[in-house]
PDB file of N, CA and C in Angstrom:
ATOM      1  N   MET A   1     -49.778  -1.676 -19.883  1.00  0.00           N
ATOM      2  CA  MET A   1     -48.460  -1.267 -19.450  1.00  0.00           C
ATOM      3  C   MET A   1     -47.677  -2.446 -18.867  1.00  0.00           C
ATOM      4  N   LEU A   2     -48.386  -3.320 -18.145  1.00  0.00           N
ATOM      5  CA  LEU A   2     -47.704  -4.486 -17.570  1.00  0.00           C
ATOM      6  C   LEU A   2     -47.154  -5.393 -18.665  1.00  0.00           C
ATOM      7  N   LEU A   3     -47.904  -5.531 -19.751  1.00  0.00           N
ATOM      8  CA  LEU A   3     -47.428  -6.366 -20.855  1.00  0.00           C
ATOM      9  C   LEU A   3     -46.191  -5.759 -21.515  1.00  0.00           C
ATOM     10  N   ALA A   4     -46.166  -4.458 -21.641  1.00  0.00           N
ATOM     11  CA  ALA A   4     -45.006  -3.783 -22.229  1.00  0.00           C
ATOM     12  C   ALA A   4     -43.775  -3.943 -21.340  1.00  0.00           C
ATOM     13  N   ILE A   5     -43.956  -3.819 -20.046  1.00  0.00           N
ATOM     14  CA  ILE A   5     -42.843  -3.994 -19.107  1.00  0.00           C
ATOM     15  C   ILE A   5     -42.340  -5.428 -19.146  1.00  0.00           C
ATOM     16  N   ALA A   6     -43.262  -6.388 -19.204  1.00  0.00           N
ATOM     17  CA  ALA A   6     -42.879  -7.798 -19.276  1.00  0.00           C
ATOM     18  C   ALA A   6     -42.084  -8.076 -20.555  1.00  0.00           C
ATOM     19  N   ALA A   7     -42.560  -7.551 -21.678  1.00  0.00           N
ATOM     20  CA  ALA A   7     -41.862  -7.752 -22.951  1.00  0.00           C
ATOM     21  C   ALA A   7     -40.470  -7.118 -22.920  1.00  0.00           C
ATOM     22  N   TRP A   8     -40.381  -5.933 -22.346  1.00  0.00           N
ATOM     23  CA  TRP A   8     -39.084  -5.250 -22.231  1.00  0.00           C
ATOM     24  C   TRP A   8     -38.125  -6.069 -21.368  1.00  0.00           C
ATOM     25  N   ASN A   9     -38.611  -6.580 -20.241  1.00  0.00           N
ATOM     26  CA  ASN A   9     -37.761  -7.400 -19.369  1.00  0.00           C
ATOM     27  C   ASN A   9     -37.244  -8.631 -20.103  1.00  0.00           C
ATOM     28  N   VAL A  10     -38.121  -9.290 -20.838  1.00  0.00           N
ATOM     29  CA  VAL A  10     -37.696 -10.485 -21.572  1.00  0.00           C
ATOM     30  C   VAL A  10     -36.643 -10.112 -22.609  1.00  0.00           C
ATOM     31  N   LEU A  11     -36.886  -9.059 -23.360  1.00  0.00           N
ATOM     32  CA  LEU A  11     -35.934  -8.640 -24.392  1.00  0.00           C
ATOM     33  C   LEU A  11     -34.569  -8.311 -23.786  1.00  0.00           C
ATOM     34  N   ILE A  12     -34.556  -7.505 -22.752  1.00  0.00           N
ATOM     35  CA  ILE A  12     -33.301  -7.072 -22.145  1.00  0.00           C
ATOM     36  C   ILE A  12     -32.539  -8.237 -21.513  1.00  0.00           C
ATOM     37  N   TRP A  13     -33.239  -9.062 -20.745  1.00  0.00           N
ATOM     38  CA  TRP A  13     -32.554 -10.138 -20.024  1.00  0.00           C
ATOM     39  C   TRP A  13     -32.138 -11.285 -20.923  1.00  0.00           C
ATOM     40  N   LEU A  14     -32.884 -11.546 -21.998  1.00  0.00           N
ATOM     41  CA  LEU A  14     -32.422 -12.568 -22.941  1.00  0.00           C
ATOM     42  C   LEU A  14     -31.201 -12.081 -23.718  1.00  0.00           C
ATOM     43  N   THR A  15     -31.175 -10.792 -24.030  1.00  0.00           N
ATOM     44  CA  THR A  15     -29.983 -10.217 -24.669  1.00  0.00           C
ATOM     45  C   THR A  15     -28.786 -10.316 -23.733  1.00  0.00           C
ATOM     46  N   PHE A  16     -29.007  -9.989 -22.472  1.00  0.00           N
ATOM     47  CA  PHE A  16     -27.924 -10.088 -21.487  1.00  0.00           C
ATOM     48  C   PHE A  16     -27.465 -11.534 -21.328  1.00  0.00           C
ATOM     49  N   ALA A  17     -28.411 -12.480 -21.315  1.00  0.00           N
ATOM     50  CA  ALA A  17     -28.059 -13.898 -21.186  1.00  0.00           C
ATOM     51  C   ALA A  17     -27.216 -14.348 -22.372  1.00  0.00           C
ATOM     52  N   LYS A  18     -27.591 -13.895 -23.576  1.00  0.00           N
ATOM     53  CA  LYS A  18     -26.816 -14.240 -24.775  1.00  0.00           C
ATOM     54  C   LYS A  18     -25.391 -13.692 -24.663  1.00  0.00           C
ATOM     55  N   ASN A  19     -25.255 -12.450 -24.219  1.00  0.00           N
ATOM     56  CA  ASN A  19     -23.933 -11.841 -24.061  1.00  0.00           C
ATOM     57  C   ASN A  19     -23.134 -12.518 -22.951  1.00  0.00           C
ATOM     58  N   LEU A  20     -23.797 -12.888 -21.873  1.00  0.00           N
ATOM     59  CA  LEU A  20     -23.124 -13.574 -20.770  1.00  0.00           C
ATOM     60  C   LEU A  20     -22.620 -14.932 -21.233  1.00  0.00           C
ATOM     61  N   HIS A  21     -23.442 -15.644 -21.993  1.00  0.00           N
ATOM     62  CA  HIS A  21     -23.033 -16.955 -22.503  1.00  0.00           C
ATOM     63  C   HIS A  21     -21.849 -16.813 -23.466  1.00  0.00           C
ATOM     64  N   ALA A  22     -21.899 -15.800 -24.322  1.00  0.00           N
ATOM     65  CA  ALA A  22     -20.794 -15.565 -25.257  1.00  0.00           C
ATOM     66  C   ALA A  22     -19.498 -15.280 -24.506  1.00  0.00           C
ATOM     67  N   ALA A  23     -19.585 -14.510 -23.444  1.00  0.00           N
ATOM     68  CA  ALA A  23     -18.389 -14.211 -22.644  1.00  0.00           C
ATOM     69  C   ALA A  23     -17.850 -15.476 -21.987  1.00  0.00           C
ATOM     70  N   TYR A  24     -18.751 -16.324 -21.522  1.00  0.00           N
ATOM     71  CA  TYR A  24     -18.333 -17.584 -20.886  1.00  0.00           C
ATOM     72  C   TYR A  24     -17.658 -18.502 -21.901  1.00  0.00           C
ATOM     73  N   VAL A  25     -18.263 -18.611 -23.075  1.00  0.00           N
ATOM     74  CA  VAL A  25     -17.710 -19.473 -24.124  1.00  0.00           C
ATOM     75  C   VAL A  25     -16.358 -18.955 -24.597  1.00  0.00           C
ATOM     76  N   ASP A  26     -16.204 -17.647 -24.645  1.00  0.00           N
ATOM     77  CA  ASP A  26     -14.935 -17.042 -25.070  1.00  0.00           C
ATOM     78  C   ASP A  26     -13.849 -17.179 -24.010  1.00  0.00           C
ATOM     79  N   GLY A  27     -14.197 -17.716 -22.852  1.00  0.00           N
ATOM     80  CA  GLY A  27     -13.209 -17.953 -21.815  1.00  0.00           C
ATOM     81  C   GLY A  27     -12.909 -16.749 -20.946  1.00  0.00           C
ATOM     82  N   GLU A  28     -13.855 -15.829 -20.844  1.00  0.00           N
ATOM     83  CA  GLU A  28     -13.646 -14.656 -19.996  1.00  0.00           C
ATOM     84  C   GLU A  28     -13.360 -15.112 -18.574  1.00  0.00           C
ATOM     85  N   ASP A  29     -12.296 -14.570 -18.008  1.00  0.00           N
ATOM     86  CA  ASP A  29     -11.834 -15.013 -16.690  1.00  0.00           C
ATOM     87  C   ASP A  29     -12.568 -14.262 -15.589  1.00  0.00           C
ATOM     88  N   ARG A  30     -13.566 -14.895 -15.034  1.00  0.00           N
ATOM     89  CA  ARG A  30     -14.355 -14.319 -13.937  1.00  0.00           C
ATOM     90  C   ARG A  30     -14.491 -15.369 -12.851  1.00  0.00           C
ATOM     91  N   ALA A  31     -14.742 -14.896 -11.652  1.00  0.00           N
ATOM     92  CA  ALA A  31     -14.988 -15.816 -10.547  1.00  0.00           C
ATOM     93  C   ALA A  31     -16.310 -16.547 -10.775  1.00  0.00           C
ATOM     94  N   THR A  32     -16.415 -17.743 -10.229  1.00  0.00           N
ATOM     95  CA  THR A  32     -17.638 -18.532 -10.375  1.00  0.00           C
ATOM     96  C   THR A  32     -18.844 -17.772  -9.846  1.00  0.00           C
ATOM     97  N   GLY A  33     -18.671 -17.017  -8.782  1.00  0.00           N
ATOM     98  CA  GLY A  33     -19.758 -16.243  -8.201  1.00  0.00           C
ATOM     99  C   GLY A  33     -20.361 -15.253  -9.185  1.00  0.00           C
ATOM    100  N   TYR A  34     -19.543 -14.712 -10.062  1.00  0.00           N
ATOM    101  CA  TYR A  34     -20.023 -13.786 -11.085  1.00  0.00           C
ATOM    102  C   TYR A  34     -21.031 -14.474 -11.995  1.00  0.00           C
ATOM    103  N   TRP A  35     -20.663 -15.652 -12.491  1.00  0.00           N
ATOM    104  CA  TRP A  35     -21.545 -16.386 -13.398  1.00  0.00           C
ATOM    105  C   TRP A  35     -22.824 -16.829 -12.692  1.00  0.00           C
ATOM    106  N   VAL A  36     -22.678 -17.309 -11.474  1.00  0.00           N
ATOM    107  CA  VAL A  36     -23.842 -17.781 -10.716  1.00  0.00           C
ATOM    108  C   VAL A  36     -24.777 -16.622 -10.394  1.00  0.00           C
ATOM    109  N   ALA A  37     -24.233 -15.533  -9.912  1.00  0.00           N
ATOM    110  CA  ALA A  37     -25.068 -14.384  -9.529  1.00  0.00           C
ATOM    111  C   ALA A  37     -25.836 -13.832 -10.730  1.00  0.00           C
ATOM    112  N   HIS A  38     -25.170 -13.697 -11.846  1.00  0.00           N
ATOM    113  CA  HIS A  38     -25.843 -13.145 -13.020  1.00  0.00           C
ATOM    114  C   HIS A  38     -26.866 -14.118 -13.602  1.00  0.00           C
ATOM    115  N   THR A  39     -26.578 -15.400 -13.516  1.00  0.00           N
ATOM    116  CA  THR A  39     -27.562 -16.389 -13.967  1.00  0.00           C
ATOM    117  C   THR A  39     -28.800 -16.342 -13.088  1.00  0.00           C
ATOM    118  N   ILE A  40     -28.617 -16.213 -11.788  1.00  0.00           N
ATOM    119  CA  ILE A  40     -29.756 -16.109 -10.873  1.00  0.00           C
ATOM    120  C   ILE A  40     -30.556 -14.841 -11.169  1.00  0.00           C
ATOM    121  N   LEU A  41     -29.878 -13.731 -11.415  1.00  0.00           N
ATOM    122  CA  LEU A  41     -30.569 -12.485 -11.763  1.00  0.00           C
ATOM    123  C   LEU A  41     -31.416 -12.650 -13.024  1.00  0.00           C
ATOM    124  N   ILE A  42     -30.863 -13.320 -14.014  1.00  0.00           N
ATOM    125  CA  ILE A  42     -31.599 -13.536 -15.265  1.00  0.00           C
ATOM    126  C   ILE A  42     -32.850 -14.364 -15.017  1.00  0.00           C
ATOM    127  N   VAL A  43     -32.694 -15.461 -14.293  1.00  0.00           N
ATOM    128  CA  VAL A  43     -33.834 -16.348 -14.033  1.00  0.00           C
ATOM    129  C   VAL A  43     -34.912 -15.628 -13.225  1.00  0.00           C
ATOM    130  N   VAL A  44     -34.518 -14.928 -12.177  1.00  0.00           N
ATOM    131  CA  VAL A  44     -35.492 -14.229 -11.328  1.00  0.00           C
ATOM    132  C   VAL A  44     -36.230 -13.164 -12.134  1.00  0.00           C
ATOM    133  N   ASP A  45     -35.513 -12.405 -12.948  1.00  0.00           N
ATOM    134  CA  ASP A  45     -36.189 -11.351 -13.701  1.00  0.00           C
ATOM    135  C   ASP A  45     -37.094 -11.912 -14.787  1.00  0.00           C
ATOM    136  N   LEU A  46     -36.737 -13.048 -15.369  1.00  0.00           N
ATOM    137  CA  LEU A  46     -37.633 -13.675 -16.341  1.00  0.00           C
ATOM    138  C   LEU A  46     -38.896 -14.200 -15.654  1.00  0.00           C
ATOM    139  N   VAL A  47     -38.766 -14.687 -14.438  1.00  0.00           N
ATOM    140  CA  VAL A  47     -39.946 -15.108 -13.673  1.00  0.00           C
ATOM    141  C   VAL A  47     -40.829 -13.894 -13.381  1.00  0.00           C
ATOM    142  N   ILE A  48     -40.222 -12.781 -13.006  1.00  0.00           N
ATOM    143  CA  ILE A  48     -40.982 -11.552 -12.766  1.00  0.00           C
ATOM    144  C   ILE A  48     -41.697 -11.122 -14.044  1.00  0.00           C
ATOM    145  N   ALA A  49     -41.040 -11.245 -15.187  1.00  0.00           N
ATOM    146  CA  ALA A  49     -41.663 -10.888 -16.463  1.00  0.00           C
ATOM    147  C   ALA A  49     -42.894 -11.762 -16.729  1.00  0.00           C
ATOM    148  N   VAL A  50     -42.794 -13.043 -16.420  1.00  0.00           N
ATOM    149  CA  VAL A  50     -43.938 -13.938 -16.612  1.00  0.00           C
ATOM    150  C   VAL A  50     -45.087 -13.533 -15.698  1.00  0.00           C
ATOM    151  N   VAL A  51     -44.780 -13.212 -14.455  1.00  0.00           N
ATOM    152  CA  VAL A  51     -45.816 -12.787 -13.510  1.00  0.00           C
ATOM    153  C   VAL A  51     -46.490 -11.501 -14.001  1.00  0.00           C
ATOM    154  N   LEU A  52     -45.704 -10.544 -14.443  1.00  0.00           N
ATOM    155  CA  LEU A  52     -46.267  -9.287 -14.953  1.00  0.00           C
ATOM    156  C   LEU A  52     -47.125  -9.516 -16.193  1.00  0.00           C
ATOM    157  N   ALA A  53     -46.667 -10.394 -17.081  1.00  0.00           N
ATOM    158  CA  ALA A  53     -47.445 -10.684 -18.286  1.00  0.00           C
ATOM    159  C   ALA A  53     -48.777 -11.343 -17.934  1.00  0.00           C
ATOM    160  N   ARG A  54     -48.747 -12.268 -16.997  1.00  0.00           N
ATOM    161  CA  ARG A  54     -49.997 -12.928 -16.593  1.00  0.00           C
ATOM    162  C   ARG A  54     -50.961 -11.935 -15.949  1.00  0.00           C
ATOM    163  N   LEU A  55     -50.434 -11.044 -15.115  1.00  0.00           N
ATOM    164  CA  LEU A  55     -51.293 -10.020 -14.515  1.00  0.00           C
ATOM    165  C   LEU A  55     -51.865  -9.084 -15.573  1.00  0.00           C
ATOM    166  N   GLY A  56     -51.032  -8.696 -16.529  1.00  0.00           N
ATOM    167  CA  GLY A  56     -51.492  -7.819 -17.600  1.00  0.00           C
ATOM    168  C   GLY A  56     -52.585  -8.463 -18.440  1.00  0.00           C
ATOM    169  N   LEU A  57     -52.399  -9.733 -18.782  1.00  0.00           N
ATOM    170  CA  LEU A  57     -53.423 -10.444 -19.552  1.00  0.00           C
ATOM    171  C   LEU A  57     -54.711 -10.609 -18.744  1.00  0.00           C
ATOM    172  N   ARG A  58     -54.543 -10.886 -17.475  1.00  0.00           N
ATOM    173  CA  ARG A  58     -55.719 -11.034 -16.606  1.00  0.00           C
ATOM    174  C   ARG A  58     -56.517  -9.732 -16.543  1.00  0.00           C
ATOM    175  N   LEU A  59     -55.804  -8.607 -16.435  1.00  0.00           N
ATOM    176  CA  LEU A  59     -56.487  -7.315 -16.396  1.00  0.00           C
ATOM    177  C   LEU A  59     -57.179  -7.000 -17.716  1.00  0.00           C
ATOM    178  N   LEU A  60     -56.541  -7.353 -18.820  1.00  0.00           N
ATOM    179  CA  LEU A  60     -57.152  -7.093 -20.123  1.00  0.00           C
ATOM    180  C   LEU A  60     -58.416  -7.919 -20.332  1.00  0.00           C
ATOM    181  N   ARG A  61     -58.411  -9.123 -19.797  1.00  0.00           N
ATOM    182  CA  ARG A  61     -59.553 -10.026 -20.001  1.00  0.00           C
ATOM    183  C   ARG A  61     -60.667  -9.838 -18.983  1.00  0.00           C
ATOM    184  N   SER A  62     -60.362  -9.184 -17.874  1.00  0.00           N
ATOM    185  CA  SER A  62     -61.367  -9.044 -16.819  1.00  0.00           C
ATOM    186  C   SER A  62     -62.410  -8.002 -17.204  1.00  0.00           C
ATOM    187  N   PRO A  63     -63.654  -8.266 -16.847  1.00  0.00           N
ATOM    188  CA  PRO A  63     -64.691  -7.280 -17.144  1.00  0.00           C
ATOM    189  C   PRO A  63     -64.586  -6.079 -16.208  1.00  0.00           C
ATOM    190  N   GLY A  64     -64.854  -4.926 -16.737  1.00  0.00           N
ATOM    191  CA  GLY A  64     -64.846  -3.711 -15.939  1.00  0.00           C
ATOM    192  C   GLY A  64     -66.207  -3.481 -15.308  1.00  0.00           C
ATOM    193  N   PRO A  65     -66.393  -2.349 -14.673  1.00  0.00           N
ATOM    194  CA  PRO A  65     -67.668  -2.055 -14.032  1.00  0.00           C
ATOM    195  C   PRO A  65     -68.829  -2.015 -15.023  1.00  0.00           C
ATOM    196  N   ASP A  66     -68.528  -1.682 -16.281  1.00  0.00           N
ATOM    197  CA  ASP A  66     -69.586  -1.621 -17.290  1.00  0.00           C
ATOM    198  C   ASP A  66     -69.794  -2.964 -17.993  1.00  0.00           C
ATOM    199  N   GLY A  67     -69.069  -4.006 -17.575  1.00  0.00           N
ATOM    200  CA  GLY A  67     -69.220  -5.331 -18.142  1.00  0.00           C
ATOM    201  C   GLY A  67     -68.377  -5.596 -19.360  1.00  0.00           C
ATOM    202  N   GLN A  68     -67.662  -4.588 -19.847  1.00  0.00           N
ATOM    203  CA  GLN A  68     -66.820  -4.784 -21.020  1.00  0.00           C
ATOM    204  C   GLN A  68     -65.453  -5.335 -20.612  1.00  0.00           C
ATOM    205  N   ALA A  69     -64.864  -6.095 -21.507  1.00  0.00           N
ATOM    206  CA  ALA A  69     -63.531  -6.610 -21.251  1.00  0.00           C
ATOM    207  C   ALA A  69     -62.537  -5.447 -21.278  1.00  0.00           C
ATOM    208  N   GLY A  70     -61.364  -5.672 -20.719  1.00  0.00           N
ATOM    209  CA  GLY A  70     -60.371  -4.627 -20.568  1.00  0.00           C
ATOM    210  C   GLY A  70     -59.966  -3.941 -21.843  1.00  0.00           C
ATOM    211  N   ARG A  71     -59.844  -4.685 -22.937  1.00  0.00           N
ATOM    212  CA  ARG A  71     -59.392  -4.094 -24.187  1.00  0.00           C
ATOM    213  C   ARG A  71     -60.377  -3.009 -24.652  1.00  0.00           C
ATOM    214  N   GLN A  72     -61.664  -3.261 -24.549  1.00  0.00           N
ATOM    215  CA  GLN A  72     -62.645  -2.256 -24.954  1.00  0.00           C
ATOM    216  C   GLN A  72     -62.630  -1.051 -24.018  1.00  0.00           C
ATOM    217  N   ARG A  73     -62.293  -1.273 -22.765  1.00  0.00           N
ATOM    218  CA  ARG A  73     -62.251  -0.160 -21.804  1.00  0.00           C
ATOM    219  C   ARG A  73     -61.175   0.852 -22.190  1.00  0.00           C
ATOM    220  N   PHE A  74     -60.083   0.396 -22.753  1.00  0.00           N
ATOM    221  CA  PHE A  74     -58.959   1.280 -23.039  1.00  0.00           C
ATOM    222  C   PHE A  74     -59.002   1.883 -24.430  1.00  0.00           C
ATOM    223  N   MET A  75     -59.961   1.495 -25.237  1.00  0.00           N
ATOM    224  CA  MET A  75     -60.036   2.033 -26.607  1.00  0.00           C
ATOM    225  C   MET A  75     -61.109   3.074 -26.726  1.00  0.00           C
TER     226      MET A  75
END
C-alpha cells in the first residue's frame, strides 16, 4: 500500500508541476509567493513519496515471523 501511495503522489505532483510550469511559461500573472509556495509543496510531497517508497520496499524485503520475505507473506 505504501508503494501505491508513493506512486500516486509522484504521478499527481509531477502532473501538477508540469501544469504549474506551463502556466508560468504562458505568463500567468500571479504573485511570486504563489510560485514559491507551490514549488515548495511539490518538492516536499515528492520527498514524502520517496520516504514512503523506501519504507514500502523495506517492508516487502524484510523477513516476517515465519522467515519469509514480505512478498511471499502477502501472496
